[in-house]
PDB file of N, CA and C in Angstrom:
ATOM      1  N   UNK A   1       0.797  -1.204   0.057  1.00  0.00           N
ATOM      2  CA  UNK A   1      -0.055   0.031  -0.032  1.00  0.00           C
ATOM      3  C   UNK A   1       0.880   1.266  -0.029  1.00  0.00           C
ATOM      4  N   UNK A   2       0.415   2.096  -0.796  1.00  0.00           N
ATOM      5  CA  UNK A   2       1.294   3.476  -0.899  1.00  0.00           C
ATOM      6  C   UNK A   2       0.363   4.423  -0.190  1.00  0.00           C
ATOM      7  N   UNK A   3       1.070   5.323   0.583  1.00  0.00           N
ATOM      8  CA  UNK A   3       0.544   6.586   1.223  1.00  0.00           C
ATOM      9  C   UNK A   3       0.915   7.947   0.369  1.00  0.00           C
ATOM     10  N   UNK A   4       0.179   8.889   0.168  1.00  0.00           N
ATOM     11  CA  UNK A   4       0.389  10.098  -0.321  1.00  0.00           C
ATOM     12  C   UNK A   4       0.706  11.273   0.926  1.00  0.00           C
ATOM     13  N   UNK A   5       1.955  11.899   0.690  1.00  0.00           N
ATOM     14  CA  UNK A   5       2.104  12.736   1.797  1.00  0.00           C
ATOM     15  C   UNK A   5       2.545  14.127   1.225  1.00  0.00           C
ATOM     16  N   UNK A   6       1.927  15.149   1.682  1.00  0.00           N
ATOM     17  CA  UNK A   6       2.354  16.524   1.201  1.00  0.00           C
ATOM     18  C   UNK A   6       3.011  17.378   2.458  1.00  0.00           C
ATOM     19  N   UNK A   7       4.102  17.880   2.162  1.00  0.00           N
ATOM     20  CA  UNK A   7       4.863  18.547   3.278  1.00  0.00           C
ATOM     21  C   UNK A   7       5.009  20.055   3.066  1.00  0.00           C
ATOM     22  N   UNK A   8       4.765  20.776   4.151  1.00  0.00           N
ATOM     23  CA  UNK A   8       5.020  22.290   4.211  1.00  0.00           C
ATOM     24  C   UNK A   8       6.073  22.545   5.159  1.00  0.00           C
ATOM     25  N   UNK A   9       6.738  23.538   4.835  1.00  0.00           N
ATOM     26  CA  UNK A   9       7.693  24.236   5.914  1.00  0.00           C
ATOM     27  C   UNK A   9       7.202  25.644   6.381  1.00  0.00           C
ATOM     28  N   UNK A  10       7.210  25.905   7.651  1.00  0.00           N
ATOM     29  CA  UNK A  10       6.747  27.174   8.156  1.00  0.00           C
ATOM     30  C   UNK A  10       7.891  27.755   8.931  1.00  0.00           C
ATOM     31  N   UNK A  11       8.095  29.051   8.875  1.00  0.00           N
ATOM     32  CA  UNK A  11       8.964  29.796   9.712  1.00  0.00           C
ATOM     33  C   UNK A  11       7.843  30.768  10.306  1.00  0.00           C
ATOM     34  N   UNK A  12       7.775  30.675  11.756  1.00  0.00           N
ATOM     35  CA  UNK A  12       6.674  31.284  12.518  1.00  0.00           C
ATOM     36  C   UNK A  12       7.066  32.452  13.206  1.00  0.00           C
ATOM     37  N   UNK A  13       6.133  33.253  13.450  1.00  0.00           N
ATOM     38  CA  UNK A  13       6.435  34.374  14.360  1.00  0.00           C
ATOM     39  C   UNK A  13       6.493  33.843  15.721  1.00  0.00           C
ATOM     40  N   UNK A  14       7.678  34.063  16.407  1.00  0.00           N
ATOM     41  CA  UNK A  14       7.807  33.563  17.640  1.00  0.00           C
ATOM     42  C   UNK A  14       6.850  33.962  18.840  1.00  0.00           C
ATOM     43  N   UNK A  15       6.443  35.157  18.495  1.00  0.00           N
ATOM     44  CA  UNK A  15       5.441  35.667  19.447  1.00  0.00           C
ATOM     45  C   UNK A  15       4.062  34.902  19.445  1.00  0.00           C
ATOM     46  N   UNK A  16       3.901  34.117  18.464  1.00  0.00           N
ATOM     47  CA  UNK A  16       2.504  33.613  18.149  1.00  0.00           C
ATOM     48  C   UNK A  16       2.717  31.963  18.033  1.00  0.00           C
ATOM     49  N   UNK A  17       3.919  31.510  18.541  1.00  0.00           N
ATOM     50  CA  UNK A  17       4.095  30.057  18.537  1.00  0.00           C
ATOM     51  C   UNK A  17       3.038  29.278  19.030  1.00  0.00           C
ATOM     52  N   UNK A  18       2.441  29.626  20.206  1.00  0.00           N
ATOM     53  CA  UNK A  18       1.291  28.666  20.915  1.00  0.00           C
ATOM     54  C   UNK A  18       0.207  28.730  19.895  1.00  0.00           C
ATOM     55  N   UNK A  19      -0.119  29.809  19.355  1.00  0.00           N
ATOM     56  CA  UNK A  19      -1.338  29.991  18.481  1.00  0.00           C
ATOM     57  C   UNK A  19      -1.093  29.009  17.173  1.00  0.00           C
ATOM     58  N   UNK A  20      -0.061  29.076  16.765  1.00  0.00           N
ATOM     59  CA  UNK A  20       0.555  28.246  15.556  1.00  0.00           C
ATOM     60  C   UNK A  20       0.345  26.708  15.935  1.00  0.00           C
ATOM     61  N   UNK A  21       0.953  26.213  17.026  1.00  0.00           N
ATOM     62  CA  UNK A  21       0.913  24.959  17.300  1.00  0.00           C
ATOM     63  C   UNK A  21      -0.709  24.512  17.678  1.00  0.00           C
ATOM     64  N   UNK A  22      -1.461  25.416  18.086  1.00  0.00           N
ATOM     65  CA  UNK A  22      -2.715  25.087  18.394  1.00  0.00           C
ATOM     66  C   UNK A  22      -3.610  24.987  16.974  1.00  0.00           C
ATOM     67  N   UNK A  23      -3.293  25.809  15.950  1.00  0.00           N
ATOM     68  CA  UNK A  23      -3.926  25.787  14.714  1.00  0.00           C
ATOM     69  C   UNK A  23      -3.552  24.425  13.970  1.00  0.00           C
ATOM     70  N   UNK A  24      -2.253  24.170  13.881  1.00  0.00           N
ATOM     71  CA  UNK A  24      -1.723  23.062  13.120  1.00  0.00           C
ATOM     72  C   UNK A  24      -1.615  21.652  13.919  1.00  0.00           C
ATOM     73  N   UNK A  25      -1.867  21.732  15.180  1.00  0.00           N
ATOM     74  CA  UNK A  25      -1.546  20.498  16.092  1.00  0.00           C
ATOM     75  C   UNK A  25      -2.827  19.663  15.858  1.00  0.00           C
ATOM     76  N   UNK A  26      -2.750  18.623  16.713  1.00  0.00           N
ATOM     77  CA  UNK A  26      -3.721  17.396  16.540  1.00  0.00           C
ATOM     78  C   UNK A  26      -5.323  17.821  16.828  1.00  0.00           C
ATOM     79  N   UNK A  27      -5.407  19.056  17.631  1.00  0.00           N
ATOM     80  CA  UNK A  27      -6.816  19.402  17.820  1.00  0.00           C
ATOM     81  C   UNK A  27      -7.137  20.579  17.213  1.00  0.00           C
ATOM     82  N   UNK A  28      -6.329  21.030  16.164  1.00  0.00           N
ATOM     83  CA  UNK A  28      -6.471  22.238  15.394  1.00  0.00           C
ATOM     84  C   UNK A  28      -7.524  22.243  14.302  1.00  0.00           C
ATOM     85  N   UNK A  29      -7.656  23.222  13.802  1.00  0.00           N
ATOM     86  CA  UNK A  29      -8.628  23.366  12.737  1.00  0.00           C
ATOM     87  C   UNK A  29      -8.231  22.806  11.508  1.00  0.00           C
ATOM     88  N   UNK A  30      -6.982  22.753  11.141  1.00  0.00           N
ATOM     89  CA  UNK A  30      -6.585  21.869   9.980  1.00  0.00           C
ATOM     90  C   UNK A  30      -6.931  20.486  10.057  1.00  0.00           C
ATOM     91  N   UNK A  31      -6.654  19.863  11.133  1.00  0.00           N
ATOM     92  CA  UNK A  31      -6.918  18.469  11.253  1.00  0.00           C
ATOM     93  C   UNK A  31      -8.510  18.307  11.251  1.00  0.00           C
ATOM     94  N   UNK A  32      -9.079  19.131  11.988  1.00  0.00           N
ATOM     95  CA  UNK A  32     -10.552  18.933  12.021  1.00  0.00           C
ATOM     96  C   UNK A  32     -11.175  19.161  10.678  1.00  0.00           C
ATOM     97  N   UNK A  33     -10.590  19.906   9.922  1.00  0.00           N
ATOM     98  CA  UNK A  33     -11.143  20.015   8.568  1.00  0.00           C
ATOM     99  C   UNK A  33     -10.864  18.721   7.551  1.00  0.00           C
ATOM    100  N   UNK A  34      -9.550  18.332   7.715  1.00  0.00           N
ATOM    101  CA  UNK A  34      -8.974  17.081   6.909  1.00  0.00           C
ATOM    102  C   UNK A  34     -10.028  15.921   7.388  1.00  0.00           C
ATOM    103  N   UNK A  35     -10.210  15.630   8.625  1.00  0.00           N
ATOM    104  CA  UNK A  35     -10.944  14.554   9.155  1.00  0.00           C
ATOM    105  C   UNK A  35     -12.376  14.425   8.469  1.00  0.00           C
ATOM    106  N   UNK A  36     -12.903  15.494   7.992  1.00  0.00           N
ATOM    107  CA  UNK A  36     -14.228  15.445   7.177  1.00  0.00           C
ATOM    108  C   UNK A  36     -14.164  14.621   6.001  1.00  0.00           C
ATOM    109  N   UNK A  37     -12.952  14.467   5.434  1.00  0.00           N
ATOM    110  CA  UNK A  37     -12.849  14.035   4.127  1.00  0.00           C
ATOM    111  C   UNK A  37     -12.267  12.480   4.037  1.00  0.00           C
ATOM    112  N   UNK A  38     -12.885  11.586   3.296  1.00  0.00           N
ATOM    113  CA  UNK A  38     -12.518  10.094   3.189  1.00  0.00           C
ATOM    114  C   UNK A  38     -11.016  10.185   2.552  1.00  0.00           C
ATOM    115  N   UNK A  39     -10.127   9.350   3.185  1.00  0.00           N
ATOM    116  CA  UNK A  39      -8.862   9.258   2.647  1.00  0.00           C
ATOM    117  C   UNK A  39      -7.792   9.920   3.425  1.00  0.00           C
ATOM    118  N   UNK A  40      -8.111  10.864   4.408  1.00  0.00           N
ATOM    119  CA  UNK A  40      -7.292  11.593   5.255  1.00  0.00           C
ATOM    120  C   UNK A  40      -6.725  10.425   6.229  1.00  0.00           C
ATOM    121  N   UNK A  41      -5.405  10.393   6.654  1.00  0.00           N
ATOM    122  CA  UNK A  41      -4.915   9.531   7.485  1.00  0.00           C
ATOM    123  C   UNK A  41      -4.592  10.080   8.855  1.00  0.00           C
ATOM    124  N   UNK A  42      -3.551  11.101   8.689  1.00  0.00           N
ATOM    125  CA  UNK A  42      -2.990  11.737   9.772  1.00  0.00           C
ATOM    126  C   UNK A  42      -2.277  12.825   9.396  1.00  0.00           C
ATOM    127  N   UNK A  43      -1.870  13.647  10.429  1.00  0.00           N
ATOM    128  CA  UNK A  43      -0.808  14.941  10.123  1.00  0.00           C
ATOM    129  C   UNK A  43       0.173  14.727  11.380  1.00  0.00           C
ATOM    130  N   UNK A  44       1.351  14.930  10.961  1.00  0.00           N
ATOM    131  CA  UNK A  44       2.590  15.025  11.953  1.00  0.00           C
ATOM    132  C   UNK A  44       3.014  16.641  11.936  1.00  0.00           C
ATOM    133  N   UNK A  45       3.181  17.212  12.851  1.00  0.00           N
ATOM    134  CA  UNK A  45       3.744  18.504  13.118  1.00  0.00           C
ATOM    135  C   UNK A  45       5.003  18.375  13.646  1.00  0.00           C
ATOM    136  N   UNK A  46       6.083  18.861  12.898  1.00  0.00           N
ATOM    137  CA  UNK A  46       7.553  18.436  13.296  1.00  0.00           C
ATOM    138  C   UNK A  46       8.123  19.884  13.840  1.00  0.00           C
ATOM    139  N   UNK A  47       8.861  19.949  14.840  1.00  0.00           N
ATOM    140  CA  UNK A  47       9.571  21.211  15.315  1.00  0.00           C
ATOM    141  C   UNK A  47      11.113  20.944  14.929  1.00  0.00           C
ATOM    142  N   UNK A  48      11.629  21.836  14.390  1.00  0.00           N
ATOM    143  CA  UNK A  48      13.210  21.833  14.051  1.00  0.00           C
ATOM    144  C   UNK A  48      13.903  22.006  15.237  1.00  0.00           C
ATOM    145  N   UNK A  49      14.634  20.975  15.519  1.00  0.00           N
ATOM    146  CA  UNK A  49      15.738  21.016  16.875  1.00  0.00           C
ATOM    147  C   UNK A  49      16.706  22.061  16.842  1.00  0.00           C
ATOM    148  N   UNK A  50      17.052  22.629  15.592  1.00  0.00           N
ATOM    149  CA  UNK A  50      18.042  23.621  15.599  1.00  0.00           C
ATOM    150  C   UNK A  50      17.583  25.085  15.362  1.00  0.00           C
ATOM    151  N   UNK A  51      16.236  25.120  15.154  1.00  0.00           N
ATOM    152  CA  UNK A  51      15.539  26.300  14.933  1.00  0.00           C
ATOM    153  C   UNK A  51      14.156  26.317  15.351  1.00  0.00           C
ATOM    154  N   UNK A  52      13.839  26.831  16.602  1.00  0.00           N
ATOM    155  CA  UNK A  52      12.653  26.484  17.291  1.00  0.00           C
ATOM    156  C   UNK A  52      11.581  27.230  16.560  1.00  0.00           C
ATOM    157  N   UNK A  53      11.840  28.084  15.535  1.00  0.00           N
ATOM    158  CA  UNK A  53      10.771  28.865  14.890  1.00  0.00           C
ATOM    159  C   UNK A  53      10.461  28.341  13.423  1.00  0.00           C
ATOM    160  N   UNK A  54      10.947  26.956  13.161  1.00  0.00           N
ATOM    161  CA  UNK A  54      10.867  26.358  11.992  1.00  0.00           C
ATOM    162  C   UNK A  54      10.020  24.942  12.265  1.00  0.00           C
ATOM    163  N   UNK A  55       8.988  24.883  11.508  1.00  0.00           N
ATOM    164  CA  UNK A  55       8.115  23.643  11.617  1.00  0.00           C
ATOM    165  C   UNK A  55       7.979  23.057  10.307  1.00  0.00           C
ATOM    166  N   UNK A  56       7.783  21.729  10.266  1.00  0.00           N
ATOM    167  CA  UNK A  56       7.145  21.133   9.090  1.00  0.00           C
ATOM    168  C   UNK A  56       5.731  20.266   9.459  1.00  0.00           C
ATOM    169  N   UNK A  57       4.999  20.413   8.369  1.00  0.00           N
ATOM    170  CA  UNK A  57       3.797  19.494   8.555  1.00  0.00           C
ATOM    171  C   UNK A  57       3.678  18.486   7.515  1.00  0.00           C
ATOM    172  N   UNK A  58       3.449  17.148   7.884  1.00  0.00           N
ATOM    173  CA  UNK A  58       3.314  16.183   6.940  1.00  0.00           C
ATOM    174  C   UNK A  58       1.896  15.534   7.098  1.00  0.00           C
ATOM    175  N   UNK A  59       1.122  15.766   5.858  1.00  0.00           N
ATOM    176  CA  UNK A  59      -0.192  15.423   5.877  1.00  0.00           C
ATOM    177  C   UNK A  59      -0.327  14.097   5.098  1.00  0.00           C
ATOM    178  N   UNK A  60      -0.932  12.957   5.611  1.00  0.00           N
ATOM    179  CA  UNK A  60      -1.049  11.786   5.009  1.00  0.00           C
ATOM    180  C   UNK A  60      -2.199  11.361   4.544  1.00  0.00           C
ATOM    181  N   UNK A  61      -2.315  11.064   3.294  1.00  0.00           N
ATOM    182  CA  UNK A  61      -3.576  10.709   2.830  1.00  0.00           C
ATOM    183  C   UNK A  61      -3.513   9.304   2.106  1.00  0.00           C
ATOM    184  N   UNK A  62      -4.439   8.551   1.865  1.00  0.00           N
ATOM    185  CA  UNK A  62      -4.395   7.291   1.235  1.00  0.00           C
ATOM    186  C   UNK A  62      -4.130   7.260  -0.351  1.00  0.00           C
ATOM    187  N   UNK A  63      -4.177   8.412  -0.953  1.00  0.00           N
ATOM    188  CA  UNK A  63      -4.028   8.605  -2.277  1.00  0.00           C
ATOM    189  C   UNK A  63      -4.040  10.017  -2.697  1.00  0.00           C
ATOM    190  N   UNK A  64      -3.238  10.273  -3.699  1.00  0.00           N
ATOM    191  CA  UNK A  64      -3.346  11.713  -4.318  1.00  0.00           C
ATOM    192  C   UNK A  64      -4.780  12.180  -4.641  1.00  0.00           C
ATOM    193  N   UNK A  65      -5.356  11.178  -5.152  1.00  0.00           N
ATOM    194  CA  UNK A  65      -6.871  11.370  -5.594  1.00  0.00           C
ATOM    195  C   UNK A  65      -7.672  11.916  -4.428  1.00  0.00           C
ATOM    196  N   UNK A  66      -7.543  11.382  -3.296  1.00  0.00           N
ATOM    197  CA  UNK A  66      -8.275  11.695  -2.104  1.00  0.00           C
ATOM    198  C   UNK A  66      -7.894  13.190  -1.744  1.00  0.00           C
ATOM    199  N   UNK A  67      -6.671  13.493  -1.818  1.00  0.00           N
ATOM    200  CA  UNK A  67      -6.146  14.750  -1.585  1.00  0.00           C
ATOM    201  C   UNK A  67      -6.675  15.771  -2.510  1.00  0.00           C
ATOM    202  N   UNK A  68      -6.771  15.616  -3.570  1.00  0.00           N
ATOM    203  CA  UNK A  68      -7.326  16.519  -4.713  1.00  0.00           C
ATOM    204  C   UNK A  68      -8.751  16.730  -4.570  1.00  0.00           C
ATOM    205  N   UNK A  69      -9.352  15.480  -4.051  1.00  0.00           N
ATOM    206  CA  UNK A  69     -10.971  15.799  -4.013  1.00  0.00           C
ATOM    207  C   UNK A  69     -11.101  16.690  -2.675  1.00  0.00           C
ATOM    208  N   UNK A  70     -10.274  16.473  -1.772  1.00  0.00           N
ATOM    209  CA  UNK A  70     -10.415  17.301  -0.623  1.00  0.00           C
ATOM    210  C   UNK A  70     -10.042  18.749  -0.961  1.00  0.00           C
ATOM    211  N   UNK A  71      -9.146  19.066  -1.736  1.00  0.00           N
ATOM    212  CA  UNK A  71      -8.839  20.527  -2.042  1.00  0.00           C
ATOM    213  C   UNK A  71      -9.792  21.010  -2.927  1.00  0.00           C
ATOM    214  N   UNK A  72     -10.426  20.228  -3.874  1.00  0.00           N
ATOM    215  CA  UNK A  72     -11.518  20.771  -4.672  1.00  0.00           C
ATOM    216  C   UNK A  72     -12.707  21.146  -3.846  1.00  0.00           C
ATOM    217  N   UNK A  73     -13.054  20.168  -2.840  1.00  0.00           N
ATOM    218  CA  UNK A  73     -14.276  20.469  -2.196  1.00  0.00           C
ATOM    219  C   UNK A  73     -14.350  21.126  -0.838  1.00  0.00           C
ATOM    220  N   UNK A  74     -13.126  21.784  -0.432  1.00  0.00           N
ATOM    221  CA  UNK A  74     -12.985  22.297   0.768  1.00  0.00           C
ATOM    222  C   UNK A  74     -12.494  23.925   0.574  1.00  0.00           C
ATOM    223  N   UNK A  75     -12.656  24.408  -0.474  1.00  0.00           N
ATOM    224  CA  UNK A  75     -12.127  25.686  -0.772  1.00  0.00           C
ATOM    225  C   UNK A  75     -12.347  26.764   0.060  1.00  0.00           C
ATOM    226  N   UNK A  76     -13.664  27.034   0.420  1.00  0.00           N
ATOM    227  CA  UNK A  76     -14.111  28.049   1.378  1.00  0.00           C
ATOM    228  C   UNK A  76     -13.389  27.717   2.749  1.00  0.00           C
ATOM    229  N   UNK A  77     -13.496  26.775   3.360  1.00  0.00           N
ATOM    230  CA  UNK A  77     -13.054  26.398   4.616  1.00  0.00           C
ATOM    231  C   UNK A  77     -11.551  26.414   4.692  1.00  0.00           C
ATOM    232  N   UNK A  78     -10.925  25.753   3.657  1.00  0.00           N
ATOM    233  CA  UNK A  78      -9.523  25.858   3.583  1.00  0.00           C
ATOM    234  C   UNK A  78      -8.952  27.258   3.403  1.00  0.00           C
ATOM    235  N   UNK A  79      -9.510  28.198   2.558  1.00  0.00           N
ATOM    236  CA  UNK A  79      -8.977  29.593   2.475  1.00  0.00           C
ATOM    237  C   UNK A  79      -9.105  30.265   3.841  1.00  0.00           C
ATOM    238  N   UNK A  80     -10.151  29.961   4.548  1.00  0.00           N
ATOM    239  CA  UNK A  80     -10.210  30.678   5.853  1.00  0.00           C
ATOM    240  C   UNK A  80      -9.316  30.183   6.962  1.00  0.00           C
ATOM    241  N   UNK A  81      -8.989  28.952   7.007  1.00  0.00           N
ATOM    242  CA  UNK A  81      -7.998  28.467   7.959  1.00  0.00           C
ATOM    243  C   UNK A  81      -6.629  28.982   7.355  1.00  0.00           C
ATOM    244  N   UNK A  82      -6.284  28.914   6.157  1.00  0.00           N
ATOM    245  CA  UNK A  82      -5.054  29.258   5.571  1.00  0.00           C
ATOM    246  C   UNK A  82      -4.775  30.699   5.873  1.00  0.00           C
ATOM    247  N   UNK A  83      -5.688  31.730   5.912  1.00  0.00           N
ATOM    248  CA  UNK A  83      -5.582  33.083   6.147  1.00  0.00           C
ATOM    249  C   UNK A  83      -5.115  33.152   7.616  1.00  0.00           C
ATOM    250  N   UNK A  84      -5.752  32.329   8.567  1.00  0.00           N
ATOM    251  CA  UNK A  84      -5.281  32.412   9.941  1.00  0.00           C
ATOM    252  C   UNK A  84      -4.006  32.133  10.095  1.00  0.00           C
ATOM    253  N   UNK A  85      -3.569  30.991   9.229  1.00  0.00           N
ATOM    254  CA  UNK A  85      -2.047  30.515   9.212  1.00  0.00           C
ATOM    255  C   UNK A  85      -1.116  31.449   8.894  1.00  0.00           C
ATOM    256  N   UNK A  86      -1.529  32.323   7.830  1.00  0.00           N
ATOM    257  CA  UNK A  86      -0.511  33.405   7.288  1.00  0.00           C
ATOM    258  C   UNK A  86      -0.313  34.399   8.419  1.00  0.00           C
ATOM    259  N   UNK A  87      -1.375  34.649   9.096  1.00  0.00           N
ATOM    260  CA  UNK A  87      -1.044  35.766  10.242  1.00  0.00           C
ATOM    261  C   UNK A  87      -0.112  35.338  11.346  1.00  0.00           C
ATOM    262  N   UNK A  88      -0.010  33.908  11.460  1.00  0.00           N
ATOM    263  CA  UNK A  88       0.996  33.338  12.402  1.00  0.00           C
ATOM    264  C   UNK A  88       2.334  33.103  11.959  1.00  0.00           C
ATOM    265  N   UNK A  89       2.557  33.253  10.501  1.00  0.00           N
ATOM    266  CA  UNK A  89       3.855  32.819  10.038  1.00  0.00           C
ATOM    267  C   UNK A  89       4.638  33.949   9.442  1.00  0.00           C
ATOM    268  N   UNK A  90       5.916  33.800   9.415  1.00  0.00           N
ATOM    269  CA  UNK A  90       6.741  34.788   8.504  1.00  0.00           C
ATOM    270  C   UNK A  90       7.004  34.298   7.127  1.00  0.00           C
ATOM    271  N   UNK A  91       6.905  33.007   6.921  1.00  0.00           N
ATOM    272  CA  UNK A  91       6.892  32.457   5.626  1.00  0.00           C
ATOM    273  C   UNK A  91       6.392  30.887   5.706  1.00  0.00           C
ATOM    274  N   UNK A  92       5.995  30.479   4.418  1.00  0.00           N
ATOM    275  CA  UNK A  92       5.573  29.150   4.276  1.00  0.00           C
ATOM    276  C   UNK A  92       5.957  28.629   2.947  1.00  0.00           C
ATOM    277  N   UNK A  93       6.420  27.519   2.832  1.00  0.00           N
ATOM    278  CA  UNK A  93       6.948  26.842   1.624  1.00  0.00           C
ATOM    279  C   UNK A  93       6.490  25.329   1.477  1.00  0.00           C
ATOM    280  N   UNK A  94       5.876  25.023   0.243  1.00  0.00           N
ATOM    281  CA  UNK A  94       5.395  23.761  -0.004  1.00  0.00           C
ATOM    282  C   UNK A  94       6.630  23.041  -0.421  1.00  0.00           C
ATOM    283  N   UNK A  95       7.025  22.097   0.419  1.00  0.00           N
ATOM    284  CA  UNK A  95       8.356  21.255  -0.045  1.00  0.00           C
ATOM    285  C   UNK A  95       8.039  20.330  -1.099  1.00  0.00           C
ATOM    286  N   UNK A  96       6.985  19.579  -1.032  1.00  0.00           N
ATOM    287  CA  UNK A  96       6.681  18.740  -2.268  1.00  0.00           C
ATOM    288  C   UNK A  96       5.547  17.794  -1.694  1.00  0.00           C
ATOM    289  N   UNK A  97       5.407  16.755  -2.771  1.00  0.00           N
ATOM    290  CA  UNK A  97       4.304  15.771  -2.518  1.00  0.00           C
ATOM    291  C   UNK A  97       5.094  14.550  -2.759  1.00  0.00           C
ATOM    292  N   UNK A  98       4.826  13.452  -1.779  1.00  0.00           N
ATOM    293  CA  UNK A  98       5.742  12.291  -1.901  1.00  0.00           C
ATOM    294  C   UNK A  98       4.700  10.979  -1.614  1.00  0.00           C
ATOM    295  N   UNK A  99       5.335   9.762  -1.993  1.00  0.00           N
ATOM    296  CA  UNK A  99       4.624   8.542  -1.642  1.00  0.00           C
ATOM    297  C   UNK A  99       5.533   7.805  -0.890  1.00  0.00           C
ATOM    298  N   UNK A 100       4.926   6.961   0.047  1.00  0.00           N
ATOM    299  CA  UNK A 100       5.758   6.075   0.858  1.00  0.00           C
ATOM    300  C   UNK A 100       5.040   4.810   0.802  1.00  0.00           C
ATOM    301  N   UNK A 101       5.594   3.715   0.825  1.00  0.00           N
ATOM    302  CA  UNK A 101       5.168   2.372   0.831  1.00  0.00           C
ATOM    303  C   UNK A 101       4.994   1.966   2.244  1.00  0.00           C
ATOM    304  N   UNK A 102       3.925   1.345   2.553  1.00  0.00           N
ATOM    305  CA  UNK A 102       3.638   0.855   3.981  1.00  0.00           C
ATOM    306  C   UNK A 102       3.196  -0.649   3.866  1.00  0.00           C
TER     307      UNK A 102
END
């Protein structure tokens, strides 16, 4: 079985670290939105050990098709949460899309 993973890197505003971790963490709005869609598996929020203001998110889906369906059908909610995230970060970069065999 292959999983589809999309990875993002964030440089956060250090004064808003707690808000960022709440928005992107396990109880945050992103994961709440993802869970509404079939094919979503999990999200990992990783903090850089060498730079406490840098994070990665790894979003796991059962397929790229499930992820594309989510993106197409969640535009309004996605945009609203994305705007909240922009206010908490200094920069955001899409690292890429990957597959992993499990």
